[in-house]
Amino acid sequence: GHYPGLGLRFVPRLAVLAWNYWKAEKNPPAARPAMAQVLSIVVAPEMQRRGIGQRLTELALAALRQARVTLVRLEVDAAKEAPIRLYQKMGFKEIARLPTPRGLALVMTCRLSF
């Protein structure tokens, strides 16, 4: 298929990204908050409603606290009420809504303390 933005026009953009990465500070100051993004937490349908998702989320947040992460971000399907309630219970707050190919997604963040 045809993918707009790829091909020879892509090379200058890639060069700029590489240059910016090379110039970037490799050791950011401690004053900047450390951020993490949860990409996916999935529980098989037949294993849902047993607290597994909550436990996985708790373990992930504990590991992030140990790594000194102060802000966690995730996106969740706006139609999935159970995960939204779970994330709210765990301290996540909705900060935005995004259209995605799968439908509307909520962007949620949670501030962690040590």
N, C-alpha and C. Protein backbone atom coordinates (compact mmCIF):
# COMPACT_ATOMS: atom_id res chain seq x y z
N GLY A 1 0.80 -1.18 0.00
CA GLY A 1 0.00 0.00 0.00
C GLY A 1 0.85 1.25 0.00
N HIS A 2 0.20 2.36 -0.12
CA HIS A 2 0.87 3.65 -0.13
C HIS A 2 0.77 4.27 1.27
N TYR A 3 1.90 4.69 1.80
CA TYR A 3 1.94 5.30 3.12
C TYR A 3 2.47 6.72 3.00
N PRO A 4 1.60 7.71 3.16
CA PRO A 4 2.03 9.10 3.02
C PRO A 4 3.16 9.42 4.01
N GLY A 5 4.12 10.19 3.56
CA GLY A 5 5.19 10.61 4.44
C GLY A 5 6.39 9.70 4.42
N LEU A 6 6.27 8.52 3.79
CA LEU A 6 7.41 7.63 3.70
C LEU A 6 8.08 7.82 2.35
N GLY A 7 9.19 7.20 2.16
CA GLY A 7 9.93 7.38 0.92
C GLY A 7 11.03 8.40 1.13
N LEU A 8 11.47 9.02 0.07
CA LEU A 8 12.59 9.96 0.15
C LEU A 8 12.27 11.17 1.02
N ARG A 9 11.00 11.58 1.06
CA ARG A 9 10.64 12.73 1.91
C ARG A 9 10.82 12.40 3.38
N PHE A 10 10.84 11.13 3.72
CA PHE A 10 10.98 10.69 5.11
C PHE A 10 12.42 10.86 5.61
N VAL A 11 13.40 10.77 4.72
CA VAL A 11 14.81 10.80 5.11
C VAL A 11 15.19 12.09 5.85
N PRO A 12 14.82 13.28 5.35
CA PRO A 12 15.18 14.50 6.11
C PRO A 12 14.56 14.53 7.51
N ARG A 13 13.33 14.06 7.63
CA ARG A 13 12.69 14.04 8.96
C ARG A 13 13.43 13.09 9.89
N LEU A 14 13.85 11.95 9.37
CA LEU A 14 14.60 10.99 10.16
C LEU A 14 15.94 11.59 10.59
N ALA A 15 16.59 12.31 9.68
CA ALA A 15 17.87 12.95 10.00
C ALA A 15 17.70 13.98 11.12
N VAL A 16 16.62 14.76 11.06
CA VAL A 16 16.35 15.75 12.11
C VAL A 16 16.11 15.06 13.44
N LEU A 17 15.34 14.00 13.44
CA LEU A 17 15.10 13.26 14.69
C LEU A 17 16.40 12.71 15.26
N ALA A 18 17.25 12.15 14.41
CA ALA A 18 18.54 11.61 14.86
C ALA A 18 19.41 12.71 15.44
N TRP A 19 19.46 13.87 14.75
CA TRP A 19 20.25 15.00 15.23
C TRP A 19 19.74 15.48 16.59
N ASN A 20 18.42 15.63 16.73
CA ASN A 20 17.85 16.08 18.00
C ASN A 20 18.14 15.09 19.12
N TYR A 21 18.08 13.81 18.81
CA TYR A 21 18.40 12.80 19.82
C TYR A 21 19.86 12.92 20.24
N TRP A 22 20.75 13.08 19.26
CA TRP A 22 22.17 13.17 19.55
C TRP A 22 22.48 14.38 20.42
N LYS A 23 21.79 15.51 20.15
CA LYS A 23 22.02 16.74 20.90
C LYS A 23 21.36 16.72 22.28
N ALA A 24 20.36 15.90 22.45
CA ALA A 24 19.56 15.92 23.69
C ALA A 24 20.41 15.55 24.89
N GLU A 25 19.97 16.06 26.01
CA GLU A 25 20.60 15.75 27.28
C GLU A 25 20.38 14.28 27.60
N LYS A 26 21.44 13.56 27.82
CA LYS A 26 21.32 12.12 28.07
C LYS A 26 20.95 11.81 29.53
N ASN A 27 21.31 12.71 30.42
CA ASN A 27 20.98 12.54 31.84
C ASN A 27 20.13 13.72 32.29
N PRO A 28 18.80 13.59 32.17
CA PRO A 28 17.94 14.73 32.52
C PRO A 28 18.06 15.09 34.00
N PRO A 29 17.90 16.35 34.32
CA PRO A 29 17.96 16.77 35.72
C PRO A 29 16.91 16.07 36.57
N ALA A 30 17.24 15.88 37.83
CA ALA A 30 16.33 15.18 38.74
C ALA A 30 15.04 15.97 38.96
N ALA A 31 15.05 17.27 38.66
CA ALA A 31 13.87 18.10 38.88
C ALA A 31 12.73 17.73 37.94
N ARG A 32 13.07 17.15 36.80
CA ARG A 32 12.02 16.76 35.86
C ARG A 32 11.29 15.52 36.37
N PRO A 33 9.97 15.50 36.27
CA PRO A 33 9.26 14.30 36.73
C PRO A 33 9.51 13.13 35.78
N ALA A 34 9.69 11.97 36.36
CA ALA A 34 9.84 10.75 35.57
C ALA A 34 8.43 10.27 35.21
N MET A 35 8.23 9.96 33.95
CA MET A 35 6.91 9.56 33.47
C MET A 35 6.98 8.18 32.85
N ALA A 36 5.91 7.42 33.02
CA ALA A 36 5.79 6.11 32.41
C ALA A 36 4.42 6.00 31.77
N GLN A 37 4.32 5.14 30.77
CA GLN A 37 3.03 4.90 30.13
C GLN A 37 2.72 3.42 30.18
N VAL A 38 1.53 3.10 30.65
CA VAL A 38 1.05 1.72 30.64
C VAL A 38 0.49 1.48 29.24
N LEU A 39 1.08 0.53 28.54
CA LEU A 39 0.63 0.25 27.18
C LEU A 39 -0.51 -0.75 27.16
N SER A 40 -0.47 -1.74 28.04
CA SER A 40 -1.52 -2.75 28.00
C SER A 40 -1.55 -3.58 29.27
N ILE A 41 -2.73 -3.77 29.80
CA ILE A 41 -2.99 -4.75 30.86
C ILE A 41 -4.19 -5.53 30.39
N VAL A 42 -4.01 -6.82 30.17
CA VAL A 42 -5.07 -7.64 29.59
C VAL A 42 -5.28 -8.88 30.46
N VAL A 43 -6.55 -9.17 30.71
CA VAL A 43 -6.94 -10.39 31.43
C VAL A 43 -7.89 -11.15 30.51
N ALA A 44 -7.64 -12.42 30.34
CA ALA A 44 -8.49 -13.25 29.48
C ALA A 44 -9.94 -13.16 29.96
N PRO A 45 -10.89 -13.11 29.03
CA PRO A 45 -12.30 -12.95 29.41
C PRO A 45 -12.78 -13.96 30.46
N GLU A 46 -12.35 -15.20 30.34
CA GLU A 46 -12.80 -16.21 31.30
C GLU A 46 -12.18 -16.05 32.69
N MET A 47 -11.15 -15.18 32.80
CA MET A 47 -10.49 -14.96 34.09
C MET A 47 -10.84 -13.59 34.70
N GLN A 48 -11.69 -12.84 34.03
CA GLN A 48 -12.07 -11.52 34.52
C GLN A 48 -12.98 -11.63 35.73
N ARG A 49 -13.07 -10.51 36.46
CA ARG A 49 -13.90 -10.40 37.66
C ARG A 49 -13.37 -11.25 38.82
N ARG A 50 -12.06 -11.44 38.85
CA ARG A 50 -11.41 -12.20 39.93
C ARG A 50 -10.34 -11.37 40.63
N GLY A 51 -10.24 -10.09 40.29
CA GLY A 51 -9.25 -9.22 40.91
C GLY A 51 -7.87 -9.28 40.26
N ILE A 52 -7.76 -10.01 39.15
CA ILE A 52 -6.46 -10.16 38.50
C ILE A 52 -6.00 -8.83 37.90
N GLY A 53 -6.90 -8.12 37.23
CA GLY A 53 -6.54 -6.82 36.65
C GLY A 53 -6.10 -5.83 37.71
N GLN A 54 -6.80 -5.82 38.84
CA GLN A 54 -6.43 -4.92 39.93
C GLN A 54 -5.05 -5.28 40.46
N ARG A 55 -4.80 -6.57 40.65
CA ARG A 55 -3.50 -6.99 41.18
C ARG A 55 -2.37 -6.66 40.20
N LEU A 56 -2.60 -6.88 38.91
CA LEU A 56 -1.59 -6.53 37.91
C LEU A 56 -1.30 -5.03 37.94
N THR A 57 -2.35 -4.23 38.07
CA THR A 57 -2.19 -2.77 38.12
C THR A 57 -1.43 -2.37 39.38
N GLU A 58 -1.77 -2.96 40.51
CA GLU A 58 -1.07 -2.66 41.76
C GLU A 58 0.41 -2.99 41.66
N LEU A 59 0.72 -4.16 41.09
CA LEU A 59 2.13 -4.56 40.94
C LEU A 59 2.88 -3.63 39.99
N ALA A 60 2.22 -3.23 38.91
CA ALA A 60 2.86 -2.31 37.96
C ALA A 60 3.14 -0.97 38.63
N LEU A 61 2.17 -0.44 39.37
CA LEU A 61 2.36 0.85 40.04
C LEU A 61 3.43 0.76 41.12
N ALA A 62 3.50 -0.37 41.83
CA ALA A 62 4.54 -0.56 42.85
C ALA A 62 5.93 -0.56 42.20
N ALA A 63 6.06 -1.24 41.07
CA ALA A 63 7.35 -1.27 40.37
C ALA A 63 7.73 0.13 39.87
N LEU A 64 6.74 0.89 39.40
CA LEU A 64 7.02 2.24 38.93
C LEU A 64 7.41 3.17 40.08
N ARG A 65 6.77 2.99 41.24
CA ARG A 65 7.16 3.79 42.42
C ARG A 65 8.62 3.48 42.79
N GLN A 66 8.96 2.21 42.78
CA GLN A 66 10.32 1.80 43.11
C GLN A 66 11.33 2.40 42.13
N ALA A 67 10.91 2.59 40.88
CA ALA A 67 11.77 3.19 39.86
C ALA A 67 11.74 4.72 39.93
N ARG A 68 11.05 5.27 40.93
CA ARG A 68 10.95 6.71 41.17
C ARG A 68 10.17 7.46 40.08
N VAL A 69 9.22 6.77 39.46
CA VAL A 69 8.34 7.40 38.48
C VAL A 69 7.31 8.21 39.25
N THR A 70 7.04 9.42 38.78
CA THR A 70 6.09 10.27 39.49
C THR A 70 4.76 10.45 38.75
N LEU A 71 4.73 10.14 37.45
CA LEU A 71 3.50 10.31 36.68
C LEU A 71 3.32 9.11 35.75
N VAL A 72 2.12 8.52 35.80
CA VAL A 72 1.80 7.38 34.95
C VAL A 72 0.64 7.78 34.04
N ARG A 73 0.76 7.43 32.78
CA ARG A 73 -0.26 7.76 31.78
C ARG A 73 -0.73 6.47 31.13
N LEU A 74 -2.02 6.44 30.78
CA LEU A 74 -2.55 5.31 30.02
C LEU A 74 -3.73 5.78 29.19
N GLU A 75 -4.08 4.97 28.22
CA GLU A 75 -5.28 5.20 27.43
C GLU A 75 -6.15 3.97 27.57
N VAL A 76 -7.45 4.20 27.69
CA VAL A 76 -8.39 3.09 27.84
C VAL A 76 -9.61 3.37 26.96
N ASP A 77 -10.15 2.32 26.39
CA ASP A 77 -11.34 2.41 25.54
C ASP A 77 -12.48 3.02 26.37
N ALA A 78 -13.06 4.11 25.87
CA ALA A 78 -14.11 4.82 26.61
C ALA A 78 -15.35 3.97 26.83
N ALA A 79 -15.51 2.91 26.04
CA ALA A 79 -16.68 2.04 26.18
C ALA A 79 -16.49 0.96 27.25
N LYS A 80 -15.29 0.81 27.77
CA LYS A 80 -15.01 -0.25 28.75
C LYS A 80 -15.11 0.29 30.17
N GLU A 81 -16.29 0.16 30.73
CA GLU A 81 -16.56 0.75 32.04
C GLU A 81 -15.77 0.10 33.18
N ALA A 82 -15.61 -1.21 33.15
CA ALA A 82 -14.91 -1.90 34.25
C ALA A 82 -13.46 -1.43 34.40
N PRO A 83 -12.67 -1.40 33.31
CA PRO A 83 -11.30 -0.91 33.48
C PRO A 83 -11.25 0.56 33.89
N ILE A 84 -12.18 1.36 33.40
CA ILE A 84 -12.20 2.78 33.78
C ILE A 84 -12.43 2.91 35.27
N ARG A 85 -13.41 2.17 35.81
CA ARG A 85 -13.67 2.20 37.26
C ARG A 85 -12.44 1.73 38.04
N LEU A 86 -11.79 0.68 37.55
CA LEU A 86 -10.59 0.17 38.23
C LEU A 86 -9.50 1.25 38.28
N TYR A 87 -9.24 1.87 37.13
CA TYR A 87 -8.19 2.88 37.10
C TYR A 87 -8.55 4.08 37.98
N GLN A 88 -9.82 4.46 38.00
CA GLN A 88 -10.25 5.55 38.89
C GLN A 88 -10.01 5.16 40.35
N LYS A 89 -10.34 3.93 40.69
CA LYS A 89 -10.14 3.42 42.05
C LYS A 89 -8.66 3.44 42.43
N MET A 90 -7.78 3.25 41.42
CA MET A 90 -6.34 3.22 41.67
C MET A 90 -5.73 4.62 41.66
N GLY A 91 -6.56 5.66 41.46
CA GLY A 91 -6.08 7.03 41.53
C GLY A 91 -5.90 7.74 40.20
N PHE A 92 -6.27 7.09 39.10
CA PHE A 92 -6.14 7.73 37.79
C PHE A 92 -7.28 8.71 37.57
N LYS A 93 -6.95 9.82 36.90
CA LYS A 93 -7.93 10.86 36.57
C LYS A 93 -7.94 11.05 35.06
N GLU A 94 -9.13 11.24 34.51
CA GLU A 94 -9.25 11.50 33.08
C GLU A 94 -8.74 12.91 32.78
N ILE A 95 -7.84 13.00 31.78
CA ILE A 95 -7.33 14.32 31.40
C ILE A 95 -7.70 14.70 29.97
N ALA A 96 -8.12 13.72 29.17
CA ALA A 96 -8.46 14.02 27.77
C ALA A 96 -9.21 12.85 27.17
N ARG A 97 -9.81 13.10 26.02
CA ARG A 97 -10.46 12.06 25.21
C ARG A 97 -9.87 12.15 23.81
N LEU A 98 -9.53 10.98 23.27
CA LEU A 98 -8.91 10.94 21.94
C LEU A 98 -9.68 10.03 21.01
N PRO A 99 -9.91 10.47 19.78
CA PRO A 99 -10.47 9.54 18.80
C PRO A 99 -9.36 8.58 18.34
N THR A 100 -9.69 7.31 18.23
CA THR A 100 -8.73 6.31 17.76
C THR A 100 -9.42 5.47 16.69
N PRO A 101 -8.67 4.67 15.95
CA PRO A 101 -9.30 3.80 14.96
C PRO A 101 -10.32 2.84 15.57
N ARG A 102 -10.16 2.52 16.85
CA ARG A 102 -11.09 1.60 17.53
C ARG A 102 -12.26 2.32 18.20
N GLY A 103 -12.24 3.65 18.20
CA GLY A 103 -13.29 4.43 18.86
C GLY A 103 -12.66 5.40 19.84
N LEU A 104 -13.48 6.00 20.67
CA LEU A 104 -13.02 7.00 21.62
C LEU A 104 -12.20 6.35 22.74
N ALA A 105 -11.10 7.00 23.11
CA ALA A 105 -10.26 6.52 24.22
C ALA A 105 -10.14 7.63 25.26
N LEU A 106 -10.09 7.24 26.52
CA LEU A 106 -9.83 8.19 27.59
C LEU A 106 -8.33 8.18 27.87
N VAL A 107 -7.75 9.35 28.04
CA VAL A 107 -6.37 9.46 28.48
C VAL A 107 -6.46 9.74 29.98
N MET A 108 -5.76 8.90 30.76
CA MET A 108 -5.82 9.02 32.21
C MET A 108 -4.39 9.09 32.76
N THR A 109 -4.22 9.86 33.82
CA THR A 109 -2.92 9.93 34.48
C THR A 109 -3.08 9.72 35.98
N CYS A 110 -1.98 9.32 36.60
CA CYS A 110 -1.96 9.10 38.04
C CYS A 110 -0.62 9.60 38.57
N ARG A 111 -0.66 10.45 39.58
CA ARG A 111 0.57 10.92 40.23
C ARG A 111 0.94 9.91 41.31
N LEU A 112 2.19 9.49 41.31
CA LEU A 112 2.67 8.54 42.30
C LEU A 112 3.50 9.25 43.36
N SER A 113 3.41 8.79 44.58
CA SER A 113 4.25 9.30 45.65
C SER A 113 5.05 8.13 46.19
N PHE A 114 6.16 8.45 46.84
CA PHE A 114 7.05 7.39 47.34
C PHE A 114 6.84 7.19 48.82
